[in-house]
Amino acid sequence: MESGRKTAIMNRGRRPPRLKSRTKRIWHVVNDPQPLVSIIIPAMNERRTIAGVMREAAGVHPRSEIIVVANGSTDGTAEIAGKHGARLLFYPDPLGHDVGRRIGAEAAKGKVLLFIDADMLIAARHLKPFVDAVLSGTDVALNDYSGPVKRKDAHPVVLAKHTLNALVSRPDLKGASMTAVPHAISRRAVEIIGFPALEIPPLAQAMAVTLGLGIKLVHPVPVGRLNASRPKIKGNDSLTSLVTGDHLEAVSWLVDKLGPRAGYGDMGRQRGRLR
């Protein structure tokens, strides 16, 4: 009895222990009203990764905004992005490859535009170098990634990237391309090449180099390991055909801009004598 009374006296006035809440708090990104950096994330049916991608993007710069262009999603991607505070641009139908980049860029407020994909979880520390490069004066900061170059048979897209960079006299860029994420561009660059070019990344790159913008390799991110393989339709890889076609559009622009040999000389050939 005595020990029971002592226990009662010792516990008198104490608050009962708090039960841990099982409800998880929903975190939100903080979009700066006057951002210096705009992070643009096109997304279609990426509910598994969109929250993690946004969380890493939020750590890139303290004055930033995150724009998610949710297009054609039927799995709740848009709802998840909105729940976590993204500036959400929603389109019920698919916009098509890379069109979301242009849409996001047109809505962006920042002086630096960083492009990433919703299906690739890339740590903030690997995204910051691209933003830092543009803040330091670079117009186009590219991923220092050339794709698989040691294979006996070159992939058509890898070959197209190397060929285009050689054609614009920038073989030092190797296979780096605005087709690949992450990459960042300055607002000045967008104003010079125009928003429509962002829908065709190789064209945007050819324009950037030809029009004298500063473009350089910044940081390697091996996105080939992160990018999920896409199913082939009747043995054809539709994405390969699309990206190869984008490079042909870039070559067409170069020919229109610089002449039939895209600015290369003819070494004094006497072509008229053969007619």
Protein backbone atom coordinates (compact mmCIF):
# COMPACT_ATOMS: atom_id res chain seq x y z
CA MET A 1 0.00 0.00 0.00
CA GLU A 2 2.75 2.41 0.97
CA SER A 3 4.65 1.90 -2.30
CA GLY A 4 1.42 2.33 -4.22
CA ARG A 5 0.74 5.68 -2.48
CA LYS A 6 4.30 6.84 -3.25
CA THR A 7 3.86 5.98 -6.93
CA ALA A 8 0.58 7.86 -7.05
CA ILE A 9 2.17 10.92 -5.40
CA MET A 10 5.18 10.83 -7.77
CA ASN A 11 2.92 10.65 -10.83
CA ARG A 12 0.52 13.32 -9.58
CA GLY A 13 0.60 16.39 -11.79
CA ARG A 14 2.55 14.77 -14.59
CA ARG A 15 1.19 14.99 -18.11
CA PRO A 16 0.41 11.71 -19.82
CA PRO A 17 2.95 10.77 -22.52
CA ARG A 18 2.09 12.04 -26.00
CA LEU A 19 1.19 9.47 -28.52
CA LYS A 20 3.14 9.73 -31.74
CA SER A 21 0.95 10.80 -34.62
CA ARG A 22 0.84 8.34 -37.46
CA THR A 23 -0.16 11.09 -39.89
CA LYS A 24 2.77 12.18 -42.03
CA ARG A 25 3.22 15.86 -42.57
CA ILE A 26 3.05 16.91 -46.19
CA TRP A 27 6.12 18.90 -47.17
CA HIS A 28 5.85 21.79 -49.60
CA VAL A 29 8.36 23.42 -51.88
CA VAL A 30 8.67 27.16 -51.45
CA ASN A 31 8.33 29.00 -54.74
CA ASP A 32 10.01 32.38 -54.53
CA PRO A 33 7.73 35.17 -55.85
CA GLN A 34 10.72 36.65 -57.70
CA PRO A 35 12.82 33.56 -58.45
CA LEU A 36 16.34 33.67 -59.77
CA VAL A 37 16.10 30.04 -60.88
CA SER A 38 13.18 28.29 -62.57
CA ILE A 39 13.28 24.49 -62.52
CA ILE A 40 11.13 23.02 -65.27
CA ILE A 41 9.91 19.42 -64.99
CA PRO A 42 7.74 17.93 -67.75
CA ALA A 43 5.86 14.92 -66.38
CA MET A 44 3.56 12.24 -67.73
CA ASN A 45 2.53 9.37 -65.47
CA GLU A 46 5.45 9.70 -63.06
CA ARG A 47 3.70 9.31 -59.71
CA ARG A 48 6.48 7.05 -58.38
CA THR A 49 9.24 9.62 -58.79
CA ILE A 50 7.73 13.11 -59.04
CA ALA A 51 7.82 13.86 -55.30
CA GLY A 52 11.47 12.81 -54.96
CA VAL A 53 12.46 14.76 -58.07
CA MET A 54 10.76 17.86 -56.68
CA ARG A 55 12.43 17.45 -53.29
CA GLU A 56 15.89 17.38 -54.88
CA ALA A 57 15.02 20.30 -57.15
CA ALA A 58 14.01 22.34 -54.11
CA GLY A 59 17.56 22.10 -52.80
CA VAL A 60 19.21 23.60 -55.87
CA HIS A 61 18.88 27.31 -55.01
CA PRO A 62 17.17 29.27 -52.22
CA ARG A 63 15.50 31.63 -54.71
CA SER A 64 13.80 29.21 -57.03
CA GLU A 65 10.47 28.04 -58.37
CA ILE A 66 9.50 24.55 -59.45
CA ILE A 67 7.26 24.28 -62.50
CA VAL A 68 5.73 20.89 -63.24
CA VAL A 69 4.17 20.55 -66.69
CA ALA A 70 1.85 17.60 -66.13
CA ASN A 71 0.55 16.47 -69.50
CA GLY A 72 -1.40 13.39 -70.40
CA SER A 73 -1.11 11.98 -66.88
CA THR A 74 -3.75 9.56 -65.66
CA ASP A 75 -1.99 8.18 -62.60
CA GLY A 76 -2.24 11.14 -60.20
CA THR A 77 1.09 12.76 -61.05
CA ALA A 78 -0.48 16.21 -61.27
CA GLU A 79 -2.23 15.83 -57.92
CA ILE A 80 1.00 14.78 -56.20
CA ALA A 81 2.95 17.68 -57.71
CA GLY A 82 0.25 20.14 -56.69
CA LYS A 83 0.05 18.69 -53.17
CA HIS A 84 3.75 19.36 -52.70
CA GLY A 85 3.50 22.94 -53.88
CA ALA A 86 4.67 22.95 -57.49
CA ARG A 87 3.59 25.62 -59.92
CA LEU A 88 1.41 23.19 -61.80
CA LEU A 89 0.66 23.50 -65.49
CA PHE A 90 -1.88 20.81 -66.29
CA TYR A 91 -2.81 19.51 -69.72
CA PRO A 92 -5.17 16.53 -69.97
CA ASP A 93 -3.62 15.33 -73.24
CA PRO A 94 0.03 14.52 -73.97
CA LEU A 95 1.95 17.47 -75.40
CA GLY A 96 4.57 15.39 -77.17
CA HIS A 97 8.28 14.97 -76.57
CA ASP A 98 10.05 18.15 -75.33
CA VAL A 99 7.01 20.41 -75.87
CA GLY A 100 6.63 20.61 -72.10
CA ARG A 101 10.03 22.31 -71.94
CA ARG A 102 8.79 25.18 -74.06
CA ILE A 103 5.54 25.46 -72.09
CA GLY A 104 7.43 25.55 -68.80
CA ALA A 105 9.98 28.04 -70.11
CA GLU A 106 7.26 30.41 -71.29
CA ALA A 107 5.76 30.38 -67.79
CA ALA A 108 9.11 30.71 -65.99
CA LYS A 109 10.10 33.88 -64.15
CA GLY A 110 13.75 33.12 -63.37
CA LYS A 111 16.93 34.31 -65.04
CA VAL A 112 18.20 30.72 -65.09
CA LEU A 113 16.10 27.90 -66.52
CA LEU A 114 17.06 24.41 -65.39
CA PHE A 115 15.50 21.48 -67.24
CA ILE A 116 15.14 18.06 -65.64
CA ASP A 117 12.86 15.06 -66.19
CA ALA A 118 10.25 13.69 -63.81
CA ASP A 119 11.41 10.10 -64.20
CA MET A 120 15.04 10.70 -63.18
CA LEU A 121 15.92 11.20 -59.53
CA ILE A 122 19.08 13.34 -59.62
CA ALA A 123 20.54 14.66 -56.36
CA ALA A 124 20.57 18.42 -55.85
CA ARG A 125 24.37 18.44 -55.64
CA HIS A 126 24.49 17.22 -59.24
CA LEU A 127 22.02 19.88 -60.39
CA LYS A 128 23.66 22.89 -58.76
CA PRO A 129 26.69 23.05 -61.10
CA PHE A 130 24.44 23.81 -64.07
CA VAL A 131 22.73 26.67 -62.27
CA ASP A 132 26.04 28.01 -60.95
CA ALA A 133 27.52 27.98 -64.46
CA VAL A 134 24.71 30.09 -65.88
CA LEU A 135 24.82 32.46 -62.92
CA SER A 136 28.54 32.87 -63.69
CA GLY A 137 27.87 33.92 -67.28
CA THR A 138 27.44 30.75 -69.34
CA ASP A 139 24.43 30.84 -71.66
CA VAL A 140 23.98 27.09 -72.11
CA ALA A 141 25.31 24.67 -69.48
CA LEU A 142 25.35 21.10 -70.81
CA ASN A 143 25.55 17.71 -69.17
CA ASP A 144 29.05 16.37 -69.90
CA TYR A 145 27.62 13.08 -71.09
CA SER A 146 28.19 11.64 -74.56
CA GLY A 147 26.26 8.41 -74.25
CA PRO A 148 27.67 4.92 -74.95
CA VAL A 149 30.62 5.63 -77.26
CA LYS A 150 32.61 2.39 -76.90
CA ARG A 151 30.15 0.15 -78.67
CA LYS A 152 31.17 -1.38 -81.98
CA ASP A 153 27.98 -0.15 -83.64
CA ALA A 154 27.22 3.48 -82.81
CA HIS A 155 23.68 4.25 -81.72
CA PRO A 156 22.00 6.57 -84.27
CA VAL A 157 21.25 9.23 -81.65
CA VAL A 158 24.82 9.20 -80.29
CA LEU A 159 26.14 9.49 -83.84
CA ALA A 160 23.73 12.34 -84.62
CA LYS A 161 24.85 14.30 -81.54
CA HIS A 162 28.54 13.99 -82.35
CA THR A 163 27.91 14.86 -86.00
CA LEU A 164 25.93 18.00 -85.21
CA ASN A 165 28.56 19.29 -82.79
CA ALA A 166 31.25 18.71 -85.41
CA LEU A 167 29.12 20.45 -88.03
CA VAL A 168 28.86 23.61 -85.91
CA SER A 169 32.63 23.48 -85.29
CA ARG A 170 32.28 22.41 -81.66
CA PRO A 171 33.73 18.88 -81.62
CA ASP A 172 34.90 19.65 -78.09
CA LEU A 173 31.29 19.18 -77.00
CA LYS A 174 31.54 15.54 -78.15
CA GLY A 175 28.08 13.99 -77.78
CA ALA A 176 26.73 16.47 -75.25
CA SER A 177 23.33 17.80 -76.20
CA MET A 178 20.38 19.87 -75.08
CA THR A 179 18.42 16.69 -75.77
CA ALA A 180 19.81 15.32 -72.50
CA VAL A 181 19.02 16.54 -69.01
CA PRO A 182 20.04 18.12 -66.83
CA HIS A 183 20.95 21.30 -68.63
CA ALA A 184 20.42 24.98 -67.89
CA ILE A 185 20.10 28.06 -70.07
CA SER A 186 20.06 31.77 -69.42
CA ARG A 187 17.03 33.92 -70.10
CA ARG A 188 19.23 35.84 -72.53
CA ALA A 189 19.74 32.63 -74.50
CA VAL A 190 16.01 31.94 -74.65
CA GLU A 191 15.30 35.44 -75.88
CA ILE A 192 17.88 35.06 -78.65
CA ILE A 193 16.95 31.60 -79.94
CA GLY A 194 13.23 31.90 -79.17
CA PHE A 195 10.89 29.70 -77.15
CA PRO A 196 9.76 27.50 -80.10
CA ALA A 197 13.31 26.17 -80.55
CA LEU A 198 13.13 24.53 -77.11
CA GLU A 199 10.72 21.97 -78.56
CA ILE A 200 13.56 20.74 -80.79
CA PRO A 201 16.68 20.63 -78.55
CA PRO A 202 19.27 19.94 -81.31
CA LEU A 203 17.93 22.94 -83.21
CA ALA A 204 18.17 25.09 -80.09
CA GLN A 205 21.77 23.94 -79.63
CA ALA A 206 22.75 24.63 -83.26
CA MET A 207 21.18 28.08 -82.98
CA ALA A 208 22.94 28.80 -79.69
CA VAL A 209 26.37 27.99 -81.10
CA THR A 210 25.82 29.71 -84.45
CA LEU A 211 24.43 32.87 -82.88
CA GLY A 212 27.46 33.22 -80.63
CA LEU A 213 26.09 32.16 -77.26
CA GLY A 214 28.42 30.75 -74.64
CA ILE A 215 27.89 27.00 -74.43
CA LYS A 216 30.03 24.57 -72.46
CA LEU A 217 30.21 21.23 -70.72
CA VAL A 218 29.66 21.66 -67.00
CA HIS A 219 29.21 18.45 -65.04
CA PRO A 220 28.80 14.74 -65.84
CA VAL A 221 25.53 13.05 -64.94
CA PRO A 222 25.27 9.51 -66.40
CA VAL A 223 21.62 9.73 -67.34
CA GLY A 224 21.86 6.66 -69.55
CA ARG A 225 21.78 4.55 -66.40
CA LEU A 226 18.81 6.45 -65.04
CA ASN A 227 16.71 6.57 -68.19
CA ALA A 228 14.32 3.65 -68.41
CA SER A 229 14.39 1.74 -71.70
CA ARG A 230 11.32 2.32 -73.83
CA PRO A 231 9.40 -0.48 -75.53
CA LYS A 232 9.80 -0.87 -79.28
CA ILE A 233 6.77 -0.86 -81.54
CA LYS A 234 7.02 -3.54 -84.25
CA GLY A 235 10.78 -3.59 -83.75
CA ASN A 236 11.12 0.18 -84.18
CA ASP A 237 12.31 2.63 -81.56
CA SER A 238 10.07 5.63 -82.19
CA LEU A 239 12.09 7.88 -79.88
CA THR A 240 15.28 7.21 -81.83
CA SER A 241 13.51 8.21 -85.04
CA LEU A 242 12.14 11.34 -83.42
CA VAL A 243 15.48 12.53 -82.00
CA THR A 244 17.29 11.74 -85.24
CA GLY A 245 14.68 13.80 -87.07
CA ASP A 246 15.26 16.66 -84.62
CA HIS A 247 18.94 16.67 -85.62
CA LEU A 248 17.97 16.79 -89.29
CA GLU A 249 15.88 19.87 -88.54
CA ALA A 250 18.95 21.45 -86.96
CA VAL A 251 20.97 20.69 -90.10
CA SER A 252 18.20 22.16 -92.26
CA TRP A 253 18.32 25.38 -90.24
CA LEU A 254 22.09 25.56 -90.65
CA VAL A 255 21.78 25.17 -94.42
CA ASP A 256 19.11 27.88 -94.60
CA LYS A 257 21.17 30.17 -92.39
CA LEU A 258 24.69 29.55 -93.73
CA GLY A 259 24.21 28.26 -97.26
CA PRO A 260 24.05 24.85 -98.95
CA ARG A 261 27.30 23.72 -97.32
CA ALA A 262 26.27 25.06 -93.88
CA GLY A 263 29.11 27.58 -93.89
CA TYR A 264 31.86 25.22 -95.07
CA GLY A 265 33.98 26.19 -98.06
CA ASP A 266 34.18 24.40 -101.43
CA MET A 267 37.98 24.75 -101.85
CA GLY A 268 37.71 26.45 -105.25
CA ARG A 269 36.04 23.59 -107.10
CA GLN A 270 35.34 24.55 -110.74
CA ARG A 271 31.86 23.01 -110.76
CA GLY A 272 30.72 25.14 -113.71
CA ARG A 273 33.19 23.49 -116.10
CA LEU A 274 31.32 20.17 -115.80
CA ARG A 275 28.04 21.48 -117.13
